[in-house]
Amino acid sequence: YTLSSRSQFKQNQDGSVDLLIQNESPGKD
């Protein structure tokens, strides 16, 4: 129900982070 600073995000190559907000899974990766 939430993403947070406690989540383990997959970072982009430049160290940025994209949070994906959508109905269906964006894929396991």
PDB file of all heavy atoms in Angstrom:
ATOM      1  N   TYR A   1       0.822  -1.210   0.000  1.00  0.00           N
ATOM      2  CA  TYR A   1       0.000   0.000   0.000  1.00  0.00           C
ATOM      3  C   TYR A   1       0.853   1.256   0.000  1.00  0.00           C
ATOM      4  O   TYR A   1       0.340   2.357  -0.106  1.00  0.00           O
ATOM      5  CB  TYR A   1      -0.934  -0.018   1.213  1.00  0.00           C
ATOM      6  CG  TYR A   1      -1.676  -1.324   1.301  1.00  0.00           C
ATOM      7  CD1 TYR A   1      -1.257  -2.334   2.160  1.00  0.00           C
ATOM      8  CD2 TYR A   1      -2.754  -1.570   0.459  1.00  0.00           C
ATOM      9  CE1 TYR A   1      -1.916  -3.558   2.197  1.00  0.00           C
ATOM     10  CE2 TYR A   1      -3.414  -2.789   0.489  1.00  0.00           C
ATOM     11  CZ  TYR A   1      -2.992  -3.772   1.358  1.00  0.00           C
ATOM     12  OH  TYR A   1      -3.640  -4.971   1.375  1.00  0.00           O
ATOM     13  N   THR A   2       2.156   1.047   0.117  1.00  0.00           N
ATOM     14  CA  THR A   2       3.059   2.189   0.225  1.00  0.00           C
ATOM     15  C   THR A   2       4.464   1.805  -0.242  1.00  0.00           C
ATOM     16  O   THR A   2       4.841   0.637  -0.200  1.00  0.00           O
ATOM     17  CB  THR A   2       3.103   2.695   1.693  1.00  0.00           C
ATOM     18  OG1 THR A   2       3.843   3.894   1.771  1.00  0.00           O
ATOM     19  CG2 THR A   2       3.709   1.681   2.626  1.00  0.00           C
ATOM     20  N   LEU A   3       5.194   2.790  -0.714  1.00  0.00           N
ATOM     21  CA  LEU A   3       6.637   2.693  -0.919  1.00  0.00           C
ATOM     22  C   LEU A   3       7.242   3.712   0.033  1.00  0.00           C
ATOM     23  O   LEU A   3       6.639   4.753   0.283  1.00  0.00           O
ATOM     24  CB  LEU A   3       7.008   3.024  -2.363  1.00  0.00           C
ATOM     25  CG  LEU A   3       6.528   2.040  -3.426  1.00  0.00           C
ATOM     26  CD1 LEU A   3       6.815   2.588  -4.825  1.00  0.00           C
ATOM     27  CD2 LEU A   3       7.192   0.679  -3.249  1.00  0.00           C
ATOM     28  N   SER A   4       8.431   3.432   0.549  1.00  0.00           N
ATOM     29  CA  SER A   4       8.977   4.359   1.541  1.00  0.00           C
ATOM     30  C   SER A   4      10.504   4.321   1.570  1.00  0.00           C
ATOM     31  O   SER A   4      11.141   3.534   0.879  1.00  0.00           O
ATOM     32  CB  SER A   4       8.431   4.022   2.933  1.00  0.00           C
ATOM     33  OG  SER A   4       9.076   2.886   3.466  1.00  0.00           O
ATOM     34  N   SER A   5      11.038   5.181   2.441  1.00  0.00           N
ATOM     35  CA  SER A   5      12.484   5.208   2.639  1.00  0.00           C
ATOM     36  C   SER A   5      12.984   3.884   3.196  1.00  0.00           C
ATOM     37  O   SER A   5      14.179   3.613   3.170  1.00  0.00           O
ATOM     38  CB  SER A   5      12.866   6.361   3.564  1.00  0.00           C
ATOM     39  OG  SER A   5      12.125   6.302   4.771  1.00  0.00           O
ATOM     40  N   ARG A   6      12.083   3.046   3.666  1.00  0.00           N
ATOM     41  CA  ARG A   6      12.441   1.721   4.183  1.00  0.00           C
ATOM     42  C   ARG A   6      12.429   0.655   3.088  1.00  0.00           C
ATOM     43  O   ARG A   6      12.815  -0.475   3.324  1.00  0.00           O
ATOM     44  CB  ARG A   6      11.493   1.345   5.312  1.00  0.00           C
ATOM     45  CG  ARG A   6      11.591   2.305   6.480  1.00  0.00           C
ATOM     46  CD  ARG A   6      10.539   2.044   7.506  1.00  0.00           C
ATOM     47  NE  ARG A   6      10.721   2.966   8.632  1.00  0.00           N
ATOM     48  CZ  ARG A   6       9.840   3.147   9.579  1.00  0.00           C
ATOM     49  NH1 ARG A   6       8.708   2.473   9.572  1.00  0.00           N
ATOM     50  NH2 ARG A   6      10.064   3.996  10.550  1.00  0.00           N
ATOM     51  N   SER A   7      11.948   1.022   1.889  1.00  0.00           N
ATOM     52  CA  SER A   7      11.901   0.087   0.766  1.00  0.00           C
ATOM     53  C   SER A   7      13.295  -0.081   0.167  1.00  0.00           C
ATOM     54  O   SER A   7      14.145   0.803   0.275  1.00  0.00           O
ATOM     55  CB  SER A   7      10.959   0.612  -0.323  1.00  0.00           C
ATOM     56  OG  SER A   7       9.647   0.775   0.170  1.00  0.00           O
ATOM     57  N   GLN A   8      13.518  -1.206  -0.465  1.00  0.00           N
ATOM     58  CA  GLN A   8      14.783  -1.478  -1.157  1.00  0.00           C
ATOM     59  C   GLN A   8      14.542  -1.274  -2.653  1.00  0.00           C
ATOM     60  O   GLN A   8      14.138  -2.190  -3.354  1.00  0.00           O
ATOM     61  CB  GLN A   8      15.241  -2.912  -0.882  1.00  0.00           C
ATOM     62  CG  GLN A   8      15.527  -3.192   0.579  1.00  0.00           C
ATOM     63  CD  GLN A   8      16.702  -2.382   1.091  1.00  0.00           C
ATOM     64  OE1 GLN A   8      17.737  -2.294   0.438  1.00  0.00           O
ATOM     65  NE2 GLN A   8      16.546  -1.780   2.253  1.00  0.00           N
ATOM     66  N   PHE A   9      14.791  -0.050  -3.130  1.00  0.00           N
ATOM     67  CA  PHE A   9      14.514   0.291  -4.519  1.00  0.00           C
ATOM     68  C   PHE A   9      15.618  -0.177  -5.457  1.00  0.00           C
ATOM     69  O   PHE A   9      16.785  -0.238  -5.077  1.00  0.00           O
ATOM     70  CB  PHE A   9      14.364   1.813  -4.687  1.00  0.00           C
ATOM     71  CG  PHE A   9      13.228   2.389  -3.908  1.00  0.00           C
ATOM     72  CD1 PHE A   9      13.453   3.343  -2.933  1.00  0.00           C
ATOM     73  CD2 PHE A   9      11.923   1.984  -4.147  1.00  0.00           C
ATOM     74  CE1 PHE A   9      12.403   3.879  -2.211  1.00  0.00           C
ATOM     75  CE2 PHE A   9      10.867   2.509  -3.434  1.00  0.00           C
ATOM     76  CZ  PHE A   9      11.110   3.458  -2.461  1.00  0.00           C
ATOM     77  N   LYS A  10      15.219  -0.444  -6.681  1.00  0.00           N
ATOM     78  CA  LYS A  10      16.184  -0.680  -7.753  1.00  0.00           C
ATOM     79  C   LYS A  10      16.497   0.698  -8.337  1.00  0.00           C
ATOM     80  O   LYS A  10      15.612   1.381  -8.846  1.00  0.00           O
ATOM     81  CB  LYS A  10      15.582  -1.597  -8.814  1.00  0.00           C
ATOM     82  CG  LYS A  10      16.534  -1.902  -9.929  1.00  0.00           C
ATOM     83  CD  LYS A  10      15.939  -2.879 -10.927  1.00  0.00           C
ATOM     84  CE  LYS A  10      16.944  -3.149 -12.022  1.00  0.00           C
ATOM     85  NZ  LYS A  10      16.377  -4.048 -13.029  1.00  0.00           N
ATOM     86  N   GLN A  11      17.757   1.116  -8.238  1.00  0.00           N
ATOM     87  CA  GLN A  11      18.150   2.429  -8.730  1.00  0.00           C
ATOM     88  C   GLN A  11      18.480   2.389 -10.217  1.00  0.00           C
ATOM     89  O   GLN A  11      18.879   1.355 -10.749  1.00  0.00           O
ATOM     90  CB  GLN A  11      19.377   2.944  -7.964  1.00  0.00           C
ATOM     91  CG  GLN A  11      19.117   3.203  -6.507  1.00  0.00           C
ATOM     92  CD  GLN A  11      20.331   3.773  -5.800  1.00  0.00           C
ATOM     93  OE1 GLN A  11      21.441   3.807  -6.324  1.00  0.00           O
ATOM     94  NE2 GLN A  11      20.128   4.247  -4.584  1.00  0.00           N
ATOM     95  N   ASN A  12      18.326   3.534 -10.861  1.00  0.00           N
ATOM     96  CA  ASN A  12      18.759   3.693 -12.241  1.00  0.00           C
ATOM     97  C   ASN A  12      20.283   3.780 -12.248  1.00  0.00           C
ATOM     98  O   ASN A  12      20.912   3.973 -11.204  1.00  0.00           O
ATOM     99  CB  ASN A  12      18.142   4.952 -12.850  1.00  0.00           C
ATOM    100  CG  ASN A  12      16.626   4.887 -12.852  1.00  0.00           C
ATOM    101  OD1 ASN A  12      16.034   3.844 -13.110  1.00  0.00           O
ATOM    102  ND2 ASN A  12      15.986   6.008 -12.539  1.00  0.00           N
ATOM    103  N   GLN A  13      20.899   3.675 -13.420  1.00  0.00           N
ATOM    104  CA  GLN A  13      22.370   3.694 -13.523  1.00  0.00           C
ATOM    105  C   GLN A  13      22.980   4.941 -12.913  1.00  0.00           C
ATOM    106  O   GLN A  13      24.078   4.893 -12.367  1.00  0.00           O
ATOM    107  CB  GLN A  13      22.799   3.561 -14.978  1.00  0.00           C
ATOM    108  CG  GLN A  13      22.732   2.145 -15.483  1.00  0.00           C
ATOM    109  CD  GLN A  13      23.381   2.020 -16.852  1.00  0.00           C
ATOM    110  OE1 GLN A  13      23.204   2.858 -17.725  1.00  0.00           O
ATOM    111  NE2 GLN A  13      24.121   0.937 -17.037  1.00  0.00           N
ATOM    112  N   ASP A  14      22.291   6.071 -12.993  1.00  0.00           N
ATOM    113  CA  ASP A  14      22.830   7.324 -12.460  1.00  0.00           C
ATOM    114  C   ASP A  14      22.529   7.521 -10.974  1.00  0.00           C
ATOM    115  O   ASP A  14      22.827   8.572 -10.409  1.00  0.00           O
ATOM    116  CB  ASP A  14      22.317   8.520 -13.267  1.00  0.00           C
ATOM    117  CG  ASP A  14      20.806   8.707 -13.174  1.00  0.00           C
ATOM    118  OD1 ASP A  14      20.114   7.909 -12.491  1.00  0.00           O
ATOM    119  OD2 ASP A  14      20.303   9.668 -13.793  1.00  0.00           O
ATOM    120  N   GLY A  15      21.925   6.513 -10.315  1.00  0.00           N
ATOM    121  CA  GLY A  15      21.616   6.604  -8.888  1.00  0.00           C
ATOM    122  C   GLY A  15      20.248   7.188  -8.599  1.00  0.00           C
ATOM    123  O   GLY A  15      19.835   7.251  -7.442  1.00  0.00           O
ATOM    124  N   SER A  16      19.533   7.629  -9.624  1.00  0.00           N
ATOM    125  CA  SER A  16      18.177   8.143  -9.433  1.00  0.00           C
ATOM    126  C   SER A  16      17.217   6.977  -9.198  1.00  0.00           C
ATOM    127  O   SER A  16      17.581   5.814  -9.387  1.00  0.00           O
ATOM    128  CB  SER A  16      17.741   8.973 -10.647  1.00  0.00           C
ATOM    129  OG  SER A  16      17.648   8.154 -11.804  1.00  0.00           O
ATOM    130  N   VAL A  17      16.006   7.300  -8.778  1.00  0.00           N
ATOM    131  CA  VAL A  17      14.999   6.273  -8.492  1.00  0.00           C
ATOM    132  C   VAL A  17      13.695   6.660  -9.172  1.00  0.00           C
ATOM    133  O   VAL A  17      13.248   7.807  -9.073  1.00  0.00           O
ATOM    134  CB  VAL A  17      14.764   6.129  -6.971  1.00  0.00           C
ATOM    135  CG1 VAL A  17      13.593   5.197  -6.679  1.00  0.00           C
ATOM    136  CG2 VAL A  17      16.023   5.628  -6.276  1.00  0.00           C
ATOM    137  N   ASP A  18      13.087   5.697  -9.858  1.00  0.00           N
ATOM    138  CA  ASP A  18      11.768   5.877 -10.464  1.00  0.00           C
ATOM    139  C   ASP A  18      10.770   5.013  -9.714  1.00  0.00           C
ATOM    140  O   ASP A  18      10.952   3.787  -9.624  1.00  0.00           O
ATOM    141  CB  ASP A  18      11.775   5.453 -11.938  1.00  0.00           C
ATOM    142  CG  ASP A  18      12.561   6.407 -12.811  1.00  0.00           C
ATOM    143  OD1 ASP A  18      12.597   7.612 -12.496  1.00  0.00           O
ATOM    144  OD2 ASP A  18      13.134   5.946 -13.816  1.00  0.00           O
ATOM    145  N   LEU A  19       9.736   5.644  -9.158  1.00  0.00           N
ATOM    146  CA  LEU A  19       8.649   4.904  -8.540  1.00  0.00           C
ATOM    147  C   LEU A  19       7.584   4.706  -9.609  1.00  0.00           C
ATOM    148  O   LEU A  19       7.147   5.669 -10.250  1.00  0.00           O
ATOM    149  CB  LEU A  19       8.081   5.665  -7.338  1.00  0.00           C
ATOM    150  CG  LEU A  19       9.086   6.002  -6.235  1.00  0.00           C
ATOM    151  CD1 LEU A  19       8.371   6.637  -5.051  1.00  0.00           C
ATOM    152  CD2 LEU A  19       9.882   4.788  -5.812  1.00  0.00           C
ATOM    153  N   LEU A  20       7.185   3.470  -9.823  1.00  0.00           N
ATOM    154  CA  LEU A  20       6.245   3.107 -10.873  1.00  0.00           C
ATOM    155  C   LEU A  20       4.858   2.935 -10.270  1.00  0.00           C
ATOM    156  O   LEU A  20       4.670   2.120  -9.355  1.00  0.00           O
ATOM    157  CB  LEU A  20       6.702   1.827 -11.556  1.00  0.00           C
ATOM    158  CG  LEU A  20       8.140   1.879 -12.081  1.00  0.00           C
ATOM    159  CD1 LEU A  20       8.578   0.517 -12.574  1.00  0.00           C
ATOM    160  CD2 LEU A  20       8.278   2.937 -13.153  1.00  0.00           C
ATOM    161  N   ILE A  21       3.916   3.703 -10.768  1.00  0.00           N
ATOM    162  CA  ILE A  21       2.562   3.734 -10.226  1.00  0.00           C
ATOM    163  C   ILE A  21       1.627   3.277 -11.340  1.00  0.00           C
ATOM    164  O   ILE A  21       1.433   3.996 -12.326  1.00  0.00           O
ATOM    165  CB  ILE A  21       2.221   5.157  -9.741  1.00  0.00           C
ATOM    166  CG1 ILE A  21       3.260   5.625  -8.715  1.00  0.00           C
ATOM    167  CG2 ILE A  21       0.805   5.218  -9.194  1.00  0.00           C
ATOM    168  CD1 ILE A  21       3.357   7.114  -8.544  1.00  0.00           C
ATOM    169  N   GLN A  22       1.085   2.064 -11.185  1.00  0.00           N
ATOM    170  CA  GLN A  22       0.251   1.514 -12.247  1.00  0.00           C
ATOM    171  C   GLN A  22      -0.520   0.312 -11.716  1.00  0.00           C
ATOM    172  O   GLN A  22      -0.210  -0.221 -10.656  1.00  0.00           O
ATOM    173  CB  GLN A  22       1.099   1.117 -13.450  1.00  0.00           C
ATOM    174  CG  GLN A  22       2.197   0.110 -13.124  1.00  0.00           C
ATOM    175  CD  GLN A  22       3.186  -0.037 -14.259  1.00  0.00           C
ATOM    176  OE1 GLN A  22       3.855   0.924 -14.635  1.00  0.00           O
ATOM    177  NE2 GLN A  22       3.275  -1.243 -14.810  1.00  0.00           N
ATOM    178  N   ASN A  23      -1.529  -0.114 -12.484  1.00  0.00           N
ATOM    179  CA  ASN A  23      -2.390  -1.209 -12.061  1.00  0.00           C
ATOM    180  C   ASN A  23      -1.706  -2.565 -12.197  1.00  0.00           C
ATOM    181  O   ASN A  23      -1.771  -3.384 -11.296  1.00  0.00           O
ATOM    182  CB  ASN A  23      -3.709  -1.173 -12.847  1.00  0.00           C
ATOM    183  CG  ASN A  23      -4.619  -2.309 -12.460  1.00  0.00           C
ATOM    184  OD1 ASN A  23      -4.732  -3.282 -13.189  1.00  0.00           O
ATOM    185  ND2 ASN A  23      -5.244  -2.195 -11.307  1.00  0.00           N
ATOM    186  N   GLU A  24      -1.069  -2.824 -13.303  1.00  0.00           N
ATOM    187  CA  GLU A  24      -0.465  -4.136 -13.536  1.00  0.00           C
ATOM    188  C   GLU A  24       1.034  -4.098 -13.260  1.00  0.00           C
ATOM    189  O   GLU A  24       1.678  -3.063 -13.394  1.00  0.00           O
ATOM    190  CB  GLU A  24      -0.743  -4.578 -14.968  1.00  0.00           C
ATOM    191  CG  GLU A  24      -2.232  -4.806 -15.200  1.00  0.00           C
ATOM    192  CD  GLU A  24      -2.538  -5.390 -16.565  1.00  0.00           C
ATOM    193  OE1 GLU A  24      -1.608  -5.883 -17.229  1.00  0.00           O
ATOM    194  OE2 GLU A  24      -3.709  -5.342 -16.948  1.00  0.00           O
ATOM    195  N   SER A  25       1.579  -5.250 -12.910  1.00  0.00           N
ATOM    196  CA  SER A  25       2.999  -5.366 -12.599  1.00  0.00           C
ATOM    197  C   SER A  25       3.851  -4.856 -13.762  1.00  0.00           C
ATOM    198  O   SER A  25       3.577  -5.171 -14.920  1.00  0.00           O
ATOM    199  CB  SER A  25       3.361  -6.820 -12.312  1.00  0.00           C
ATOM    200  OG  SER A  25       4.771  -6.960 -12.213  1.00  0.00           O
ATOM    201  N   PRO A  26       4.904  -4.091 -13.454  1.00  0.00           N
ATOM    202  CA  PRO A  26       5.821  -3.644 -14.498  1.00  0.00           C
ATOM    203  C   PRO A  26       6.821  -4.732 -14.885  1.00  0.00           C
ATOM    204  O   PRO A  26       7.710  -4.496 -15.696  1.00  0.00           O
ATOM    205  CB  PRO A  26       6.531  -2.462 -13.838  1.00  0.00           C
ATOM    206  CG  PRO A  26       6.535  -2.814 -12.387  1.00  0.00           C
ATOM    207  CD  PRO A  26       5.241  -3.541 -12.141  1.00  0.00           C
ATOM    208  N   GLY A  27       6.693  -5.921 -14.282  1.00  0.00           N
ATOM    209  CA  GLY A  27       7.640  -7.016 -14.496  1.00  0.00           C
ATOM    210  C   GLY A  27       8.397  -7.279 -13.203  1.00  0.00           C
ATOM    211  O   GLY A  27       8.633  -6.363 -12.416  1.00  0.00           O
ATOM    212  N   LYS A  28       8.748  -8.523 -12.969  1.00  0.00           N
ATOM    213  CA  LYS A  28       9.421  -8.914 -11.714  1.00  0.00           C
ATOM    214  C   LYS A  28      10.659  -8.071 -11.426  1.00  0.00           C
ATOM    215  O   LYS A  28      10.931  -7.736 -10.281  1.00  0.00           O
ATOM    216  CB  LYS A  28       9.799 -10.400 -11.753  1.00  0.00           C
ATOM    217  CG  LYS A  28       8.635 -11.324 -11.592  1.00  0.00           C
ATOM    218  CD  LYS A  28       8.167 -11.345 -10.168  1.00  0.00           C
ATOM    219  CE  LYS A  28       7.065 -12.381  -9.992  1.00  0.00           C
ATOM    220  NZ  LYS A  28       6.355 -12.218  -8.752  1.00  0.00           N
ATOM    221  N   ASP A  29      11.421  -7.724 -12.472  1.00  0.00           N
ATOM    222  CA  ASP A  29      12.664  -6.978 -12.277  1.00  0.00           C
ATOM    223  C   ASP A  29      12.427  -5.542 -11.810  1.00  0.00           C
ATOM    224  O   ASP A  29      13.346  -4.886 -11.335  1.00  0.00           O
ATOM    225  CB  ASP A  29      13.505  -6.988 -13.547  1.00  0.00           C
ATOM    226  CG  ASP A  29      12.818  -6.322 -14.726  1.00  0.00           C
ATOM    227  OD1 ASP A  29      11.575  -6.452 -14.847  1.00  0.00           O
ATOM    228  OD2 ASP A  29      13.513  -5.687 -15.536  1.00  0.00           O
TER     229      ASP A  29
END
